[in-house]
Every structure is written in structure tokens, then in C-alpha cells.
Amino acid sequence: MLQHYLPILLFFVIAILFGLLLVSLGLLIGRNIPSKDKLDQYECGFPAFSSSRMKFDVRYYLVAILFIIFDLELAFLFPWAMVIKQVGWTAMVAVFIFLALLTVGFIYEWKKGALEWE
């Protein structure tokens, strides 16, 4: 039974060794010339103008969660689309109910103004 896992173990060992080799080559060969610009904190491509502990607007988090919710519906639709001929009408109805619930949720968020930035 364990001999079936030997190729997977070998793959992991080679991947880890290859990663360590590349990182160590980069450290040995690469130039390390620190400067003020390289050691400065990087935040969104522009210089920091205030404390990094400032509070963010809740809309950033709301938009991220809404994106995850409404984008993941595609992850559920692809497998269903691949087996649509084998699953029959009950699965078709279930997917339509799923899409209807997502549409109702999207309309609710739109009406509440969660998608408005300003």
C-alpha cells in the first residue's frame, strides 16, 4: 500500500530541494546593497503618509466579501455544466433555485447601496 505513495513523496522531496536550491542560489549570487528606498515600508505603491494602524473604511471589506460570494457561484456552476446531461431535471431545478437566491441577494445588496463607492 505504501509503495503507491512513493512517487508523491519523491515529488515533494524534489520540489523542496529545488526550492531550497533556488533560494540559496539567489542569496549567494544576488547583490545585497541596502538603501533607504529598499528598506522603506511599501504600501500600495505610494509613500506612507500616516500610521499603518489607521482604520480602513468597512466598504473595503464589504466589497471583498461580496466579490467572494458572487464570484464563487461560478466555481459551483462549472462542474454542474460538465454533467448537465447526466444529472437530469432535479439538478437543473436545484441550480436555478441556487441562481435565483444569488440574484435576490445581489439585488438586495444593490438596493442597500453596498455596491456604491461614493
N, C-alpha and C. Protein backbone atom coordinates (compact mmCIF):
# COMPACT_ATOMS: atom_id res chain seq x y z
N MET A 1 0.83 -1.20 0.00
CA MET A 1 0.00 0.00 0.00
C MET A 1 0.87 1.26 0.00
N LEU A 2 1.92 1.28 0.81
CA LEU A 2 2.75 2.47 0.90
C LEU A 2 3.57 2.72 -0.36
N GLN A 3 3.81 1.70 -1.17
CA GLN A 3 4.60 1.89 -2.38
C GLN A 3 3.87 2.77 -3.39
N HIS A 4 2.55 2.91 -3.26
CA HIS A 4 1.80 3.79 -4.15
C HIS A 4 2.06 5.25 -3.83
N TYR A 5 2.46 5.54 -2.61
CA TYR A 5 2.72 6.92 -2.20
C TYR A 5 4.16 7.33 -2.43
N LEU A 6 5.02 6.43 -2.83
CA LEU A 6 6.44 6.75 -3.05
C LEU A 6 6.63 7.82 -4.12
N PRO A 7 5.95 7.79 -5.26
CA PRO A 7 6.13 8.87 -6.24
C PRO A 7 5.72 10.25 -5.69
N ILE A 8 4.68 10.28 -4.88
CA ILE A 8 4.24 11.55 -4.31
C ILE A 8 5.29 12.07 -3.32
N LEU A 9 5.81 11.18 -2.48
CA LEU A 9 6.85 11.56 -1.54
C LEU A 9 8.09 12.03 -2.28
N LEU A 10 8.47 11.33 -3.34
CA LEU A 10 9.62 11.71 -4.13
C LEU A 10 9.41 13.08 -4.78
N PHE A 11 8.19 13.33 -5.27
CA PHE A 11 7.88 14.63 -5.85
C PHE A 11 8.03 15.75 -4.82
N PHE A 12 7.52 15.55 -3.60
CA PHE A 12 7.64 16.56 -2.56
C PHE A 12 9.10 16.81 -2.18
N VAL A 13 9.87 15.76 -2.06
CA VAL A 13 11.29 15.92 -1.71
C VAL A 13 12.03 16.69 -2.79
N ILE A 14 11.80 16.34 -4.06
CA ILE A 14 12.47 17.06 -5.15
C ILE A 14 12.01 18.51 -5.20
N ALA A 15 10.73 18.76 -4.99
CA ALA A 15 10.22 20.14 -5.01
C ALA A 15 10.83 20.97 -3.89
N ILE A 16 10.93 20.41 -2.70
CA ILE A 16 11.52 21.14 -1.57
C ILE A 16 13.00 21.39 -1.82
N LEU A 17 13.71 20.39 -2.29
CA LEU A 17 15.14 20.57 -2.58
C LEU A 17 15.37 21.59 -3.69
N PHE A 18 14.55 21.55 -4.72
CA PHE A 18 14.67 22.51 -5.81
C PHE A 18 14.39 23.94 -5.31
N GLY A 19 13.36 24.09 -4.49
CA GLY A 19 13.06 25.41 -3.92
C GLY A 19 14.18 25.92 -3.04
N LEU A 20 14.72 25.06 -2.19
CA LEU A 20 15.84 25.47 -1.34
C LEU A 20 17.07 25.82 -2.16
N LEU A 21 17.32 25.07 -3.24
CA LEU A 21 18.46 25.36 -4.12
C LEU A 21 18.32 26.73 -4.76
N LEU A 22 17.14 27.05 -5.27
CA LEU A 22 16.94 28.34 -5.92
C LEU A 22 17.05 29.50 -4.93
N VAL A 23 16.49 29.33 -3.74
CA VAL A 23 16.58 30.40 -2.74
C VAL A 23 18.02 30.61 -2.30
N SER A 24 18.74 29.53 -2.07
CA SER A 24 20.14 29.67 -1.63
C SER A 24 21.00 30.24 -2.76
N LEU A 25 20.75 29.87 -4.01
CA LEU A 25 21.50 30.49 -5.12
C LEU A 25 21.21 31.98 -5.20
N GLY A 26 19.98 32.36 -5.01
CA GLY A 26 19.64 33.78 -5.02
C GLY A 26 20.33 34.54 -3.91
N LEU A 27 20.44 33.93 -2.74
CA LEU A 27 21.12 34.59 -1.63
C LEU A 27 22.63 34.68 -1.86
N LEU A 28 23.21 33.66 -2.46
CA LEU A 28 24.65 33.64 -2.69
C LEU A 28 25.08 34.52 -3.86
N ILE A 29 24.34 34.46 -4.94
CA ILE A 29 24.74 35.17 -6.15
C ILE A 29 24.22 36.60 -6.18
N GLY A 30 23.05 36.84 -5.64
CA GLY A 30 22.43 38.16 -5.71
C GLY A 30 23.19 39.20 -4.93
N ARG A 31 23.10 40.44 -5.45
CA ARG A 31 23.75 41.55 -4.75
C ARG A 31 22.85 42.06 -3.64
N ASN A 32 23.42 42.34 -2.51
CA ASN A 32 22.67 42.85 -1.38
C ASN A 32 23.21 44.24 -1.07
N ILE A 33 22.62 45.24 -1.71
CA ILE A 33 23.03 46.63 -1.49
C ILE A 33 21.83 47.37 -0.91
N PRO A 34 21.72 47.39 0.43
CA PRO A 34 20.57 48.06 1.04
C PRO A 34 20.65 49.58 0.88
N SER A 35 19.52 50.19 0.68
CA SER A 35 19.44 51.65 0.63
C SER A 35 18.19 52.06 1.40
N LYS A 36 18.04 53.36 1.57
CA LYS A 36 16.87 53.84 2.30
C LYS A 36 15.57 53.48 1.58
N ASP A 37 15.58 53.57 0.26
CA ASP A 37 14.38 53.24 -0.50
C ASP A 37 14.03 51.77 -0.43
N LYS A 38 15.03 50.90 -0.45
CA LYS A 38 14.77 49.47 -0.39
C LYS A 38 14.30 49.03 0.99
N LEU A 39 14.77 49.70 2.03
CA LEU A 39 14.40 49.31 3.39
C LEU A 39 13.13 50.00 3.87
N ASP A 40 12.60 50.93 3.07
CA ASP A 40 11.40 51.65 3.44
C ASP A 40 10.18 50.73 3.30
N GLN A 41 9.15 50.99 4.09
CA GLN A 41 7.94 50.18 4.02
C GLN A 41 7.22 50.44 2.71
N TYR A 42 6.64 49.40 2.17
CA TYR A 42 5.91 49.50 0.90
C TYR A 42 4.42 49.34 1.17
N GLU A 43 3.65 50.36 0.77
CA GLU A 43 2.21 50.31 0.96
C GLU A 43 1.52 50.84 -0.29
N CYS A 44 0.99 49.95 -1.07
CA CYS A 44 0.13 50.28 -2.20
C CYS A 44 0.81 51.15 -3.26
N GLY A 45 2.10 51.16 -3.36
CA GLY A 45 2.77 51.86 -4.43
C GLY A 45 3.01 53.34 -4.19
N PHE A 46 2.58 53.87 -3.07
CA PHE A 46 2.85 55.28 -2.78
C PHE A 46 3.44 55.39 -1.38
N PRO A 47 4.18 56.46 -1.12
CA PRO A 47 4.82 56.60 0.19
C PRO A 47 3.80 56.67 1.32
N ALA A 48 4.19 56.13 2.45
CA ALA A 48 3.30 56.17 3.62
C ALA A 48 3.19 57.60 4.10
N PHE A 49 1.95 58.03 4.34
CA PHE A 49 1.73 59.41 4.80
C PHE A 49 1.16 59.47 6.19
N SER A 50 0.84 58.31 6.75
CA SER A 50 0.34 58.30 8.12
C SER A 50 0.65 56.94 8.72
N SER A 51 0.14 56.71 9.88
CA SER A 51 0.40 55.46 10.59
C SER A 51 -0.23 54.28 9.86
N SER A 52 0.43 53.14 9.91
CA SER A 52 -0.14 51.94 9.30
C SER A 52 -1.25 51.35 10.16
N ARG A 53 -1.48 51.90 11.32
CA ARG A 53 -2.53 51.42 12.22
C ARG A 53 -3.84 52.18 12.05
N MET A 54 -3.95 52.99 10.97
CA MET A 54 -5.18 53.75 10.78
C MET A 54 -6.32 52.81 10.41
N LYS A 55 -7.54 53.22 10.69
CA LYS A 55 -8.70 52.39 10.42
C LYS A 55 -9.09 52.51 8.95
N PHE A 56 -9.45 51.37 8.36
CA PHE A 56 -9.93 51.35 6.99
C PHE A 56 -11.45 51.42 6.99
N ASP A 57 -11.96 51.94 5.91
CA ASP A 57 -13.40 52.00 5.74
C ASP A 57 -13.94 50.58 5.59
N VAL A 58 -15.09 50.34 6.16
CA VAL A 58 -15.69 49.00 6.14
C VAL A 58 -16.08 48.59 4.73
N ARG A 59 -16.19 49.53 3.82
CA ARG A 59 -16.58 49.21 2.45
C ARG A 59 -15.54 48.34 1.74
N TYR A 60 -14.26 48.47 2.12
CA TYR A 60 -13.24 47.60 1.53
C TYR A 60 -13.56 46.14 1.83
N TYR A 61 -13.88 45.86 3.07
CA TYR A 61 -14.19 44.50 3.47
C TYR A 61 -15.51 44.03 2.87
N LEU A 62 -16.48 44.91 2.80
CA LEU A 62 -17.78 44.56 2.24
C LEU A 62 -17.66 44.20 0.77
N VAL A 63 -16.90 45.00 0.02
CA VAL A 63 -16.72 44.70 -1.40
C VAL A 63 -15.98 43.38 -1.58
N ALA A 64 -14.98 43.12 -0.74
CA ALA A 64 -14.23 41.86 -0.84
C ALA A 64 -15.13 40.67 -0.55
N ILE A 65 -15.96 40.76 0.46
CA ILE A 65 -16.86 39.65 0.80
C ILE A 65 -17.91 39.46 -0.29
N LEU A 66 -18.44 40.54 -0.82
CA LEU A 66 -19.41 40.42 -1.90
C LEU A 66 -18.78 39.81 -3.14
N PHE A 67 -17.54 40.17 -3.43
CA PHE A 67 -16.86 39.57 -4.57
C PHE A 67 -16.69 38.07 -4.37
N ILE A 68 -16.31 37.68 -3.17
CA ILE A 68 -16.13 36.25 -2.91
C ILE A 68 -17.45 35.51 -3.05
N ILE A 69 -18.52 36.06 -2.51
CA ILE A 69 -19.82 35.39 -2.56
C ILE A 69 -20.30 35.23 -4.00
N PHE A 70 -20.26 36.32 -4.76
CA PHE A 70 -20.84 36.26 -6.10
C PHE A 70 -19.86 35.71 -7.13
N ASP A 71 -18.60 35.64 -6.82
CA ASP A 71 -17.65 35.04 -7.74
C ASP A 71 -17.58 33.53 -7.55
N LEU A 72 -17.81 33.06 -6.35
CA LEU A 72 -17.76 31.62 -6.11
C LEU A 72 -18.92 30.86 -6.75
N GLU A 73 -19.96 31.58 -7.14
CA GLU A 73 -21.05 30.87 -7.81
C GLU A 73 -20.55 30.23 -9.11
N LEU A 74 -19.58 30.84 -9.75
CA LEU A 74 -19.02 30.23 -10.96
C LEU A 74 -18.29 28.93 -10.65
N ALA A 75 -17.66 28.87 -9.50
CA ALA A 75 -16.97 27.63 -9.12
C ALA A 75 -17.96 26.49 -8.95
N PHE A 76 -19.19 26.79 -8.57
CA PHE A 76 -20.20 25.76 -8.44
C PHE A 76 -20.90 25.45 -9.76
N LEU A 77 -20.87 26.37 -10.70
CA LEU A 77 -21.56 26.16 -11.97
C LEU A 77 -20.73 25.35 -12.96
N PHE A 78 -19.42 25.42 -12.91
CA PHE A 78 -18.60 24.69 -13.88
C PHE A 78 -18.76 23.17 -13.77
N PRO A 79 -18.66 22.59 -12.57
CA PRO A 79 -18.87 21.13 -12.51
C PRO A 79 -20.29 20.72 -12.93
N TRP A 80 -21.25 21.54 -12.58
CA TRP A 80 -22.63 21.24 -12.95
C TRP A 80 -22.79 21.26 -14.47
N ALA A 81 -22.14 22.22 -15.13
CA ALA A 81 -22.25 22.33 -16.58
C ALA A 81 -21.60 21.13 -17.28
N MET A 82 -20.62 20.53 -16.65
CA MET A 82 -19.94 19.39 -17.27
C MET A 82 -20.81 18.13 -17.26
N VAL A 83 -21.70 18.00 -16.29
CA VAL A 83 -22.51 16.78 -16.17
C VAL A 83 -23.99 17.07 -16.34
N ILE A 84 -24.33 18.12 -17.05
CA ILE A 84 -25.72 18.53 -17.16
C ILE A 84 -26.59 17.45 -17.80
N LYS A 85 -26.04 16.68 -18.75
CA LYS A 85 -26.84 15.65 -19.42
C LYS A 85 -27.10 14.44 -18.53
N GLN A 86 -26.22 14.19 -17.56
CA GLN A 86 -26.37 13.01 -16.72
C GLN A 86 -27.21 13.26 -15.47
N VAL A 87 -27.32 14.51 -15.02
CA VAL A 87 -27.95 14.76 -13.72
C VAL A 87 -29.47 14.89 -13.79
N GLY A 88 -30.00 15.28 -14.92
CA GLY A 88 -31.45 15.34 -15.05
C GLY A 88 -32.06 16.65 -14.59
N TRP A 89 -33.40 16.63 -14.55
CA TRP A 89 -34.15 17.85 -14.26
C TRP A 89 -34.09 18.28 -12.80
N THR A 90 -33.92 17.35 -11.89
CA THR A 90 -33.87 17.76 -10.48
C THR A 90 -32.66 18.63 -10.21
N ALA A 91 -31.53 18.29 -10.80
CA ALA A 91 -30.34 19.12 -10.64
C ALA A 91 -30.51 20.46 -11.35
N MET A 92 -31.20 20.46 -12.48
CA MET A 92 -31.45 21.70 -13.20
C MET A 92 -32.28 22.65 -12.34
N VAL A 93 -33.32 22.11 -11.71
CA VAL A 93 -34.16 22.94 -10.84
C VAL A 93 -33.37 23.43 -9.63
N ALA A 94 -32.52 22.57 -9.07
CA ALA A 94 -31.71 22.97 -7.92
C ALA A 94 -30.76 24.11 -8.28
N VAL A 95 -30.16 24.05 -9.45
CA VAL A 95 -29.25 25.12 -9.86
C VAL A 95 -30.02 26.41 -10.12
N PHE A 96 -31.20 26.31 -10.70
CA PHE A 96 -32.00 27.52 -10.91
C PHE A 96 -32.43 28.15 -9.58
N ILE A 97 -32.74 27.33 -8.60
CA ILE A 97 -33.04 27.87 -7.27
C ILE A 97 -31.82 28.54 -6.67
N PHE A 98 -30.67 27.90 -6.82
CA PHE A 98 -29.41 28.47 -6.34
C PHE A 98 -29.13 29.82 -6.99
N LEU A 99 -29.28 29.90 -8.31
CA LEU A 99 -29.05 31.16 -9.02
C LEU A 99 -30.10 32.21 -8.66
N ALA A 100 -31.33 31.77 -8.41
CA ALA A 100 -32.38 32.72 -8.01
C ALA A 100 -32.06 33.32 -6.64
N LEU A 101 -31.59 32.50 -5.72
CA LEU A 101 -31.21 33.02 -4.40
C LEU A 101 -30.04 34.00 -4.50
N LEU A 102 -29.06 33.68 -5.33
CA LEU A 102 -27.94 34.60 -5.52
C LEU A 102 -28.40 35.90 -6.17
N THR A 103 -29.32 35.80 -7.11
CA THR A 103 -29.83 37.01 -7.75
C THR A 103 -30.60 37.88 -6.76
N VAL A 104 -31.40 37.26 -5.91
CA VAL A 104 -32.13 38.01 -4.88
C VAL A 104 -31.13 38.69 -3.93
N GLY A 105 -30.09 37.98 -3.54
CA GLY A 105 -29.07 38.57 -2.68
C GLY A 105 -28.34 39.71 -3.34
N PHE A 106 -28.05 39.57 -4.63
CA PHE A 106 -27.38 40.64 -5.37
C PHE A 106 -28.28 41.87 -5.47
N ILE A 107 -29.53 41.68 -5.77
CA ILE A 107 -30.47 42.81 -5.85
C ILE A 107 -30.62 43.48 -4.49
N TYR A 108 -30.67 42.70 -3.43
CA TYR A 108 -30.76 43.26 -2.07
C TYR A 108 -29.55 44.14 -1.77
N GLU A 109 -28.35 43.63 -2.09
CA GLU A 109 -27.14 44.43 -1.84
C GLU A 109 -27.12 45.67 -2.71
N TRP A 110 -27.60 45.57 -3.91
CA TRP A 110 -27.63 46.71 -4.81
C TRP A 110 -28.59 47.78 -4.27
N LYS A 111 -29.76 47.35 -3.81
CA LYS A 111 -30.74 48.29 -3.28
C LYS A 111 -30.27 48.95 -1.98
N LYS A 112 -29.50 48.19 -1.17
CA LYS A 112 -28.98 48.74 0.08
C LYS A 112 -27.83 49.71 -0.15
N GLY A 113 -27.29 49.74 -1.38
CA GLY A 113 -26.20 50.66 -1.69
C GLY A 113 -24.83 50.11 -1.35
N ALA A 114 -24.71 48.82 -1.16
CA ALA A 114 -23.41 48.24 -0.81
C ALA A 114 -22.43 48.29 -1.96
N LEU A 115 -22.94 48.41 -3.17
CA LEU A 115 -22.06 48.47 -4.34
C LEU A 115 -21.68 49.88 -4.74
N GLU A 116 -22.26 50.87 -4.06
CA GLU A 116 -21.92 52.27 -4.34
C GLU A 116 -20.66 52.64 -3.58
N TRP A 117 -19.71 53.22 -4.29
CA TRP A 117 -18.45 53.55 -3.63
C TRP A 117 -18.49 54.94 -3.00
N GLU A 118 -19.14 55.87 -3.63
CA GLU A 118 -19.18 57.23 -3.09
C GLU A 118 -20.52 57.52 -2.46
